[in-house]
Amino acid sequence: MVYGDASHREERSPDSEVLSGGAKSHDVWFIRSGILRLQRHAYDGRRQILSLFFPGEIVGFDGEFREGVAVEAATQSGLCRIDRRWFNRMVDQNDNLRAELLRQKQNQLDRLHWLTWSLGALAPEERLCAFLALSSQFMPYQPLPDGTGVLSMHLPRRDIADLLGTTVESISRIVHKLADTGIIEIRDPAHFRFLDLPKLIALGKIDGHFDRMAVGLARRRGQLERLIAGGPRSLSAAAAGGRTR
């Protein structure tokens, strides 16, 4: 088996299920492109998005999700399916890969802690400002010569609302308020020019966290991809140089 072979690459359309909580999976998934969401539904039928997974992350390596929780594609996504037994063997052999997975898990826990805290401590406007600012690190973002930048928001507004515990209507209202105050410019519903990113960060109450979270996002995208892109041969070579036991 050669990882990265066409037979192990899959394209998933938005809203398609990748992992189902409570069901045993024989695979783990590497995200090449797109965004996945971890979600559940409340007793009243309302959906709650618990977290997002981004390109460069591996999903499902740390065990099964509990029943009622699922992982779905939030956007058009390119995935690589990896046999769990082979993956577990490589993790056991490769100290570098194991260390990167631990860092990924810590980054995900940091995001979860921030989201949990923000839902209880921040107003919807503050949560959206933080999310927009952080989106410049994991969504397509084009810096411009004048110091501004254009964000392409690929995540549907319904997903953003369910992630931030608000409504699509509130998001629309807040976005127009930010435009009216000169912090962003609305080019169309999915493209925003950030006129004052530091102000957006300050409004989102992430002044002390933005740089650390941004570095985590960028580092994760590169390290795991390099470790697994070449498949078993690549990992075996890395294990030979990275094993310390």
Protein backbone atom coordinates (compact mmCIF):
# COMPACT_ATOMS: atom_id res chain seq x y z
CA MET A 1 0.00 0.00 0.00
CA VAL A 2 1.38 3.40 -0.97
CA TYR A 3 -0.15 6.29 0.92
CA GLY A 4 -1.28 9.07 -1.38
CA ASP A 5 -2.20 6.60 -4.16
CA ALA A 6 -5.41 7.61 -5.93
CA SER A 7 -7.24 4.66 -4.41
CA HIS A 8 -6.78 6.19 -0.97
CA ARG A 9 -7.73 9.77 -1.83
CA GLU A 10 -11.32 10.86 -1.55
CA GLU A 11 -13.25 14.00 -2.32
CA ARG A 12 -16.12 14.76 0.03
CA SER A 13 -18.91 17.20 -0.73
CA PRO A 14 -20.33 19.53 1.94
CA ASP A 15 -22.55 17.85 4.56
CA SER A 16 -21.27 14.34 3.77
CA GLU A 17 -20.40 12.20 6.80
CA VAL A 18 -16.80 11.16 7.39
CA LEU A 19 -17.00 9.52 10.83
CA SER A 20 -20.04 8.48 12.85
CA GLY A 21 -19.92 8.48 16.63
CA GLY A 22 -20.38 5.05 18.20
CA ALA A 23 -19.46 3.22 14.98
CA LYS A 24 -16.12 1.43 14.76
CA SER A 25 -13.88 2.85 12.07
CA HIS A 26 -11.00 1.00 10.44
CA ASP A 27 -9.48 4.19 9.05
CA VAL A 28 -8.10 7.55 10.07
CA TRP A 29 -8.34 10.59 7.81
CA PHE A 30 -5.76 13.16 6.77
CA ILE A 31 -7.23 16.46 5.58
CA ARG A 32 -5.53 17.65 2.39
CA SER A 33 -7.96 20.49 1.74
CA GLY A 34 -11.24 21.83 3.03
CA ILE A 35 -12.72 21.96 6.54
CA LEU A 36 -14.42 19.25 8.59
CA ARG A 37 -16.77 19.89 11.51
CA LEU A 38 -17.37 17.93 14.71
CA GLN A 39 -21.07 18.18 15.58
CA ARG A 40 -23.96 16.86 17.59
CA HIS A 41 -27.69 17.55 17.84
CA ALA A 42 -29.47 18.57 21.03
CA TYR A 43 -32.68 16.90 22.19
CA ASP A 44 -34.68 19.71 20.62
CA GLY A 45 -33.02 19.05 17.24
CA ARG A 46 -30.73 22.04 17.27
CA ARG A 47 -27.26 21.40 15.91
CA GLN A 48 -24.13 22.33 17.83
CA ILE A 49 -20.75 22.44 16.12
CA LEU A 50 -18.18 21.49 18.74
CA SER A 51 -15.01 22.11 16.75
CA LEU A 52 -13.48 22.40 13.29
CA PHE A 53 -10.67 20.39 11.70
CA PHE A 54 -8.36 22.02 9.17
CA PRO A 55 -5.93 21.02 6.37
CA GLY A 56 -2.89 19.27 7.77
CA GLU A 57 -4.78 17.58 10.61
CA ILE A 58 -5.48 13.89 11.11
CA VAL A 59 -8.96 12.97 12.33
CA GLY A 60 -9.97 9.82 14.18
CA PHE A 61 -6.52 8.68 15.30
CA ASP A 62 -7.31 8.99 19.01
CA GLY A 63 -10.26 6.57 19.18
CA GLU A 64 -13.95 6.54 18.44
CA PHE A 65 -16.29 9.48 18.95
CA ARG A 66 -19.16 8.90 21.34
CA GLU A 67 -22.60 8.08 20.01
CA GLY A 68 -24.52 11.11 18.76
CA VAL A 69 -21.35 12.93 17.66
CA ALA A 70 -20.27 12.92 14.03
CA VAL A 71 -17.60 14.38 11.77
CA GLU A 72 -18.87 15.85 8.50
CA ALA A 73 -17.38 17.87 5.66
CA ALA A 74 -18.24 21.53 6.16
CA THR A 75 -16.80 22.47 2.76
CA GLN A 76 -15.69 20.58 -0.32
CA SER A 77 -12.83 18.56 1.14
CA GLY A 78 -9.95 16.46 -0.12
CA LEU A 79 -9.13 13.63 2.27
CA CYS A 80 -6.69 10.75 2.45
CA ARG A 81 -7.96 7.53 4.01
CA ILE A 82 -5.32 5.65 6.01
CA ASP A 83 -5.69 2.12 7.35
CA ARG A 84 -5.81 2.36 11.16
CA ARG A 85 -3.64 -0.71 11.79
CA TRP A 86 -0.89 0.59 9.51
CA PHE A 87 -1.19 4.07 11.02
CA ASN A 88 -0.99 2.78 14.60
CA ARG A 89 2.12 0.78 13.69
CA MET A 90 3.78 3.86 12.25
CA VAL A 91 2.88 5.96 15.30
CA ASP A 92 4.43 3.33 17.53
CA GLN A 93 7.62 3.31 15.45
CA ASN A 94 8.01 7.02 14.77
CA ASP A 95 8.71 9.39 17.68
CA ASN A 96 8.44 12.45 15.40
CA LEU A 97 4.97 11.53 14.21
CA ARG A 98 3.83 10.76 17.75
CA ALA A 99 5.10 14.14 18.96
CA GLU A 100 3.30 15.97 16.14
CA LEU A 101 0.04 14.17 16.94
CA LEU A 102 0.36 15.28 20.56
CA ARG A 103 0.91 18.87 19.41
CA GLN A 104 -2.12 18.63 17.15
CA LYS A 105 -4.22 17.34 20.03
CA GLN A 106 -3.04 20.20 22.23
CA ASN A 107 -3.91 22.73 19.53
CA GLN A 108 -7.39 21.21 19.22
CA LEU A 109 -7.86 21.32 22.99
CA ASP A 110 -6.77 24.97 23.00
CA ARG A 111 -9.41 25.74 20.37
CA LEU A 112 -12.06 23.81 22.31
CA HIS A 113 -11.19 25.60 25.55
CA TRP A 114 -11.32 28.98 23.82
CA LEU A 115 -14.69 28.17 22.23
CA THR A 116 -16.13 26.93 25.54
CA TRP A 117 -14.86 30.03 27.32
CA SER A 118 -16.06 32.41 24.64
CA LEU A 119 -19.58 30.96 24.61
CA GLY A 120 -19.89 31.75 28.30
CA ALA A 121 -17.87 34.94 28.57
CA LEU A 122 -18.21 36.83 25.28
CA ALA A 123 -21.10 38.46 23.49
CA PRO A 124 -21.98 37.25 19.97
CA GLU A 125 -20.27 40.28 18.41
CA GLU A 126 -17.04 39.56 20.28
CA ARG A 127 -17.12 35.88 19.32
CA LEU A 128 -17.62 36.73 15.64
CA CYS A 129 -14.79 39.29 15.67
CA ALA A 130 -12.44 36.67 17.14
CA PHE A 131 -13.54 34.09 14.60
CA LEU A 132 -13.06 36.47 11.66
CA ALA A 133 -9.58 37.42 12.86
CA LEU A 134 -8.55 33.78 13.33
CA SER A 135 -10.02 32.92 9.93
CA SER A 136 -7.19 34.89 8.35
CA GLN A 137 -4.97 31.98 9.45
CA PHE A 138 -6.96 29.04 8.07
CA MET A 139 -9.10 30.52 5.29
CA PRO A 140 -7.69 31.93 2.02
CA TYR A 141 -6.35 35.38 2.95
CA GLN A 142 -4.63 37.75 0.54
CA PRO A 143 -2.53 40.53 2.14
CA LEU A 144 -2.58 43.77 0.17
CA PRO A 145 0.26 46.31 -0.21
CA ASP A 146 -1.58 48.90 1.90
CA GLY A 147 -1.57 46.62 4.96
CA THR A 148 -5.16 45.44 4.57
CA GLY A 149 -6.15 41.98 3.35
CA VAL A 150 -9.01 40.11 1.72
CA LEU A 151 -10.51 37.07 3.42
CA SER A 152 -12.39 34.43 1.44
CA MET A 153 -14.88 32.91 3.86
CA HIS A 154 -15.51 29.33 2.72
CA LEU A 155 -17.52 28.27 5.76
CA PRO A 156 -21.32 28.66 5.38
CA ARG A 157 -22.92 31.20 7.69
CA ARG A 158 -25.15 28.55 9.20
CA ASP A 159 -22.04 26.65 10.28
CA ILE A 160 -20.50 29.80 11.74
CA ALA A 161 -23.71 30.48 13.65
CA ASP A 162 -23.88 26.94 15.05
CA LEU A 163 -20.20 27.09 16.03
CA LEU A 164 -20.50 30.46 17.80
CA GLY A 165 -23.88 29.82 19.42
CA THR A 166 -25.74 32.56 17.58
CA THR A 167 -27.97 32.97 14.52
CA VAL A 168 -27.42 33.69 10.84
CA GLU A 169 -29.41 36.90 11.27
CA SER A 170 -27.13 38.07 14.10
CA ILE A 171 -24.04 37.35 12.02
CA SER A 172 -25.40 39.43 9.15
CA ARG A 173 -26.21 42.29 11.52
CA ILE A 174 -22.76 42.22 13.14
CA VAL A 175 -20.93 42.02 9.81
CA HIS A 176 -22.76 45.11 8.54
CA LYS A 177 -22.04 46.92 11.81
CA LEU A 178 -18.31 46.17 11.42
CA ALA A 179 -18.51 47.52 7.86
CA ASP A 180 -20.32 50.67 9.01
CA THR A 181 -17.59 51.38 11.59
CA GLY A 182 -14.78 50.97 9.05
CA ILE A 183 -13.25 47.78 10.45
CA ILE A 184 -14.07 45.61 7.45
CA GLU A 185 -15.34 46.12 3.93
CA ILE A 186 -17.95 43.74 2.52
CA ARG A 187 -17.04 42.87 -1.06
CA ASP A 188 -19.69 40.17 -1.32
CA PRO A 189 -21.25 37.72 1.19
CA ALA A 190 -18.14 35.50 1.14
CA HIS A 191 -15.33 38.05 0.75
CA PHE A 192 -14.30 40.67 3.30
CA ARG A 193 -11.48 43.18 3.20
CA PHE A 194 -9.99 43.61 6.68
CA LEU A 195 -9.31 47.32 7.05
CA ASP A 196 -8.19 47.08 10.70
CA LEU A 197 -7.16 43.57 11.74
CA PRO A 198 -5.67 44.69 15.11
CA LYS A 199 -9.01 46.29 15.97
CA LEU A 200 -10.83 43.10 15.02
CA ILE A 201 -8.47 41.11 17.27
CA ALA A 202 -9.04 43.55 20.14
CA LEU A 203 -12.83 43.42 19.76
CA GLY A 204 -12.63 39.62 19.85
CA LYS A 205 -10.68 39.69 23.14
CA ILE A 206 -7.88 37.54 21.70
CA ASP A 207 -5.04 40.08 21.92
CA GLY A 208 -2.91 37.74 24.01
CA HIS A 209 -3.84 34.56 22.16
CA PHE A 210 -3.86 35.43 18.46
CA ASP A 211 -0.16 35.00 17.74
CA ARG A 212 0.09 31.69 19.65
CA MET A 213 -3.00 30.24 17.97
CA ALA A 214 -1.85 31.45 14.56
CA VAL A 215 1.56 29.81 14.97
CA GLY A 216 -0.12 26.54 15.98
CA LEU A 217 -2.28 26.56 12.88
CA ALA A 218 0.63 27.21 10.52
CA ARG A 219 2.98 24.71 12.16
CA ARG A 220 0.45 21.89 12.17
CA ARG A 221 -0.33 22.33 8.48
CA GLY A 222 3.27 21.64 7.48
CA GLN A 223 4.66 19.11 9.94
CA LEU A 224 2.14 16.28 9.75
CA GLU A 225 1.89 16.58 5.98
CA ARG A 226 5.65 16.12 5.61
CA LEU A 227 5.62 13.13 7.93
CA ILE A 228 2.89 11.20 6.14
CA ALA A 229 2.96 12.46 2.54
CA GLY A 230 5.40 9.81 1.36
CA GLY A 231 3.52 6.86 2.82
CA PRO A 232 5.04 3.83 4.54
CA ARG A 233 8.46 4.26 2.96
CA SER A 234 8.67 7.88 4.01
CA LEU A 235 7.49 7.15 7.54
CA SER A 236 9.81 4.19 7.89
CA ALA A 237 12.74 6.40 6.94
CA ALA A 238 11.60 9.05 9.39
CA ALA A 239 11.20 6.41 12.09
CA ALA A 240 14.75 5.23 11.56
CA GLY A 241 16.01 8.74 12.21
CA GLY A 242 13.44 9.75 14.81
CA ARG A 243 13.15 6.71 17.05
CA THR A 244 14.66 7.23 20.47
CA ARG A 245 13.47 4.17 22.32
